[in-house]
Amino acid sequence: MRFVRVGTLDDPSQCPPDVHIFTSSKQPWVTFPRGAKVFAEYYDRREVWPKEAQERWHVLREKMKA
């Protein structure tokens, strides 16, 4: 599992962020779109991720243990 910083992509519009994390340290001029999921720090993925994503995460974790 890796996180991709959208600013590092050649075309960031192809992979827009679904959440914004660690926003407590953002610059005052940074704004977020209306309705965006914004978290001051990190979030509890069990509350944010869809069920299918949580299932994929569980499978990945089990494979990492092997």
N, C-alpha and C. Protein backbone atom coordinates (compact mmCIF):
# COMPACT_ATOMS: atom_id res chain seq x y z
N MET A 1 0.85 -1.16 0.00
CA MET A 1 0.00 0.00 0.00
C MET A 1 0.90 1.22 0.00
N ARG A 2 0.63 2.14 -0.90
CA ARG A 2 1.39 3.38 -0.99
C ARG A 2 0.43 4.54 -1.21
N PHE A 3 0.88 5.70 -0.81
CA PHE A 3 0.14 6.92 -1.07
C PHE A 3 0.82 7.63 -2.22
N VAL A 4 0.04 8.23 -3.09
CA VAL A 4 0.59 8.98 -4.22
C VAL A 4 0.29 10.46 -4.00
N ARG A 5 1.33 11.25 -4.04
CA ARG A 5 1.13 12.70 -3.95
C ARG A 5 0.70 13.18 -5.33
N VAL A 6 -0.51 13.72 -5.38
CA VAL A 6 -1.10 14.05 -6.67
C VAL A 6 -0.24 15.05 -7.45
N GLY A 7 0.49 15.91 -6.79
CA GLY A 7 1.34 16.88 -7.48
C GLY A 7 2.52 16.26 -8.20
N THR A 8 2.79 14.98 -7.94
CA THR A 8 3.91 14.32 -8.60
C THR A 8 3.49 13.66 -9.91
N LEU A 9 2.23 13.67 -10.23
CA LEU A 9 1.74 13.03 -11.45
C LEU A 9 1.88 13.96 -12.65
N ASP A 10 2.07 13.39 -13.83
CA ASP A 10 2.13 14.19 -15.05
C ASP A 10 0.81 14.89 -15.31
N ASP A 11 -0.30 14.21 -15.01
CA ASP A 11 -1.63 14.79 -15.21
C ASP A 11 -2.45 14.53 -13.96
N PRO A 12 -2.37 15.42 -12.96
CA PRO A 12 -3.07 15.19 -11.69
C PRO A 12 -4.58 15.05 -11.82
N SER A 13 -5.17 15.57 -12.90
CA SER A 13 -6.62 15.47 -13.06
C SER A 13 -7.07 14.02 -13.26
N GLN A 14 -6.14 13.13 -13.61
CA GLN A 14 -6.47 11.73 -13.81
C GLN A 14 -6.64 10.97 -12.49
N CYS A 15 -6.20 11.57 -11.40
CA CYS A 15 -6.26 10.89 -10.10
C CYS A 15 -6.53 11.93 -9.00
N PRO A 16 -7.74 12.50 -8.99
CA PRO A 16 -8.04 13.52 -7.98
C PRO A 16 -8.08 12.90 -6.58
N PRO A 17 -7.73 13.66 -5.55
CA PRO A 17 -7.74 13.11 -4.19
C PRO A 17 -9.17 12.82 -3.73
N ASP A 18 -9.32 11.73 -2.97
CA ASP A 18 -10.64 11.44 -2.40
C ASP A 18 -10.74 11.93 -0.97
N VAL A 19 -9.60 12.18 -0.32
CA VAL A 19 -9.57 12.78 1.01
C VAL A 19 -8.36 13.71 1.10
N HIS A 20 -8.44 14.63 2.03
CA HIS A 20 -7.32 15.53 2.31
C HIS A 20 -6.94 15.31 3.77
N ILE A 21 -5.67 14.93 4.01
CA ILE A 21 -5.24 14.62 5.37
C ILE A 21 -4.17 15.59 5.84
N PHE A 22 -4.00 15.65 7.15
CA PHE A 22 -3.02 16.52 7.81
C PHE A 22 -3.25 17.98 7.44
N THR A 23 -4.51 18.37 7.38
CA THR A 23 -4.84 19.74 6.99
C THR A 23 -4.62 20.75 8.11
N SER A 24 -4.36 20.29 9.31
CA SER A 24 -4.12 21.23 10.42
C SER A 24 -2.84 22.03 10.19
N SER A 25 -1.95 21.53 9.34
CA SER A 25 -0.70 22.24 9.08
C SER A 25 -0.68 22.92 7.70
N LYS A 26 -1.85 23.03 7.07
CA LYS A 26 -1.89 23.65 5.75
C LYS A 26 -1.66 25.16 5.87
N GLN A 27 -1.27 25.75 4.78
CA GLN A 27 -1.10 27.20 4.72
C GLN A 27 -2.48 27.86 4.68
N PRO A 28 -2.63 29.05 5.22
CA PRO A 28 -3.94 29.71 5.27
C PRO A 28 -4.59 29.91 3.90
N TRP A 29 -3.81 30.04 2.86
CA TRP A 29 -4.36 30.29 1.53
C TRP A 29 -4.83 29.02 0.83
N VAL A 30 -4.58 27.85 1.42
CA VAL A 30 -5.03 26.59 0.82
C VAL A 30 -6.51 26.40 1.13
N THR A 31 -7.29 26.15 0.10
CA THR A 31 -8.72 25.90 0.28
C THR A 31 -9.07 24.53 -0.32
N PHE A 32 -10.20 24.00 0.09
CA PHE A 32 -10.64 22.69 -0.39
C PHE A 32 -12.00 22.85 -1.06
N PRO A 33 -12.28 22.00 -2.03
CA PRO A 33 -13.58 22.08 -2.71
C PRO A 33 -14.73 21.82 -1.73
N ARG A 34 -15.85 22.44 -1.97
CA ARG A 34 -17.04 22.20 -1.15
C ARG A 34 -17.38 20.72 -1.19
N GLY A 35 -17.62 20.15 -0.03
CA GLY A 35 -17.97 18.74 0.08
C GLY A 35 -16.79 17.80 0.17
N ALA A 36 -15.57 18.33 0.11
CA ALA A 36 -14.37 17.48 0.19
C ALA A 36 -14.26 16.86 1.58
N LYS A 37 -13.73 15.65 1.64
CA LYS A 37 -13.47 15.00 2.92
C LYS A 37 -12.13 15.54 3.43
N VAL A 38 -12.19 16.28 4.52
CA VAL A 38 -11.01 16.97 5.06
C VAL A 38 -10.78 16.50 6.50
N PHE A 39 -9.54 16.11 6.80
CA PHE A 39 -9.19 15.63 8.13
C PHE A 39 -8.00 16.41 8.66
N ALA A 40 -8.11 16.89 9.90
CA ALA A 40 -7.02 17.66 10.51
C ALA A 40 -5.73 16.85 10.58
N GLU A 41 -5.85 15.58 10.86
CA GLU A 41 -4.70 14.68 10.91
C GLU A 41 -5.02 13.50 9.99
N TYR A 42 -4.81 12.28 10.45
CA TYR A 42 -5.17 11.11 9.65
C TYR A 42 -6.60 10.72 10.01
N TYR A 43 -7.12 9.67 9.45
CA TYR A 43 -8.49 9.25 9.69
C TYR A 43 -8.55 7.76 9.99
N ASP A 44 -9.67 7.32 10.50
CA ASP A 44 -9.90 5.89 10.75
C ASP A 44 -10.46 5.29 9.46
N ARG A 45 -9.66 4.49 8.78
CA ARG A 45 -10.08 3.96 7.48
C ARG A 45 -11.35 3.13 7.58
N ARG A 46 -11.63 2.55 8.74
CA ARG A 46 -12.86 1.76 8.91
C ARG A 46 -14.10 2.64 8.79
N GLU A 47 -13.94 3.93 9.06
CA GLU A 47 -15.07 4.85 8.97
C GLU A 47 -15.15 5.55 7.61
N VAL A 48 -14.06 5.53 6.85
CA VAL A 48 -14.00 6.31 5.61
C VAL A 48 -14.00 5.43 4.36
N TRP A 49 -13.24 4.35 4.39
CA TRP A 49 -13.11 3.50 3.20
C TRP A 49 -14.38 2.70 2.93
N PRO A 50 -14.72 2.51 1.66
CA PRO A 50 -15.85 1.62 1.32
C PRO A 50 -15.53 0.19 1.75
N LYS A 51 -16.57 -0.61 1.93
CA LYS A 51 -16.39 -1.99 2.37
C LYS A 51 -15.44 -2.76 1.45
N GLU A 52 -15.57 -2.57 0.14
CA GLU A 52 -14.72 -3.29 -0.82
C GLU A 52 -13.25 -2.94 -0.61
N ALA A 53 -12.95 -1.69 -0.34
CA ALA A 53 -11.56 -1.28 -0.11
C ALA A 53 -11.03 -1.88 1.19
N GLN A 54 -11.87 -1.95 2.20
CA GLN A 54 -11.45 -2.56 3.47
C GLN A 54 -11.16 -4.04 3.28
N GLU A 55 -11.95 -4.71 2.45
CA GLU A 55 -11.70 -6.13 2.18
C GLU A 55 -10.38 -6.32 1.45
N ARG A 56 -10.09 -5.46 0.46
CA ARG A 56 -8.81 -5.54 -0.25
C ARG A 56 -7.65 -5.30 0.70
N TRP A 57 -7.81 -4.35 1.62
CA TRP A 57 -6.77 -4.05 2.60
C TRP A 57 -6.49 -5.28 3.48
N HIS A 58 -7.56 -5.94 3.91
CA HIS A 58 -7.40 -7.13 4.75
C HIS A 58 -6.64 -8.22 3.99
N VAL A 59 -6.99 -8.46 2.74
CA VAL A 59 -6.30 -9.47 1.92
C VAL A 59 -4.83 -9.10 1.78
N LEU A 60 -4.55 -7.85 1.51
CA LEU A 60 -3.16 -7.39 1.37
C LEU A 60 -2.38 -7.61 2.66
N ARG A 61 -2.97 -7.26 3.79
CA ARG A 61 -2.29 -7.44 5.09
C ARG A 61 -1.97 -8.92 5.33
N GLU A 62 -2.89 -9.79 5.00
CA GLU A 62 -2.65 -11.23 5.18
C GLU A 62 -1.50 -11.70 4.30
N LYS A 63 -1.45 -11.21 3.07
CA LYS A 63 -0.35 -11.59 2.16
C LYS A 63 0.98 -11.07 2.68
N MET A 64 0.97 -9.91 3.31
CA MET A 64 2.21 -9.33 3.83
C MET A 64 2.74 -10.15 5.01
N LYS A 65 1.84 -10.82 5.74
CA LYS A 65 2.25 -11.64 6.88
C LYS A 65 2.93 -12.93 6.42
N ALA A 66 2.59 -13.39 5.22
CA ALA A 66 3.12 -14.67 4.71
C ALA A 66 4.57 -14.58 4.31
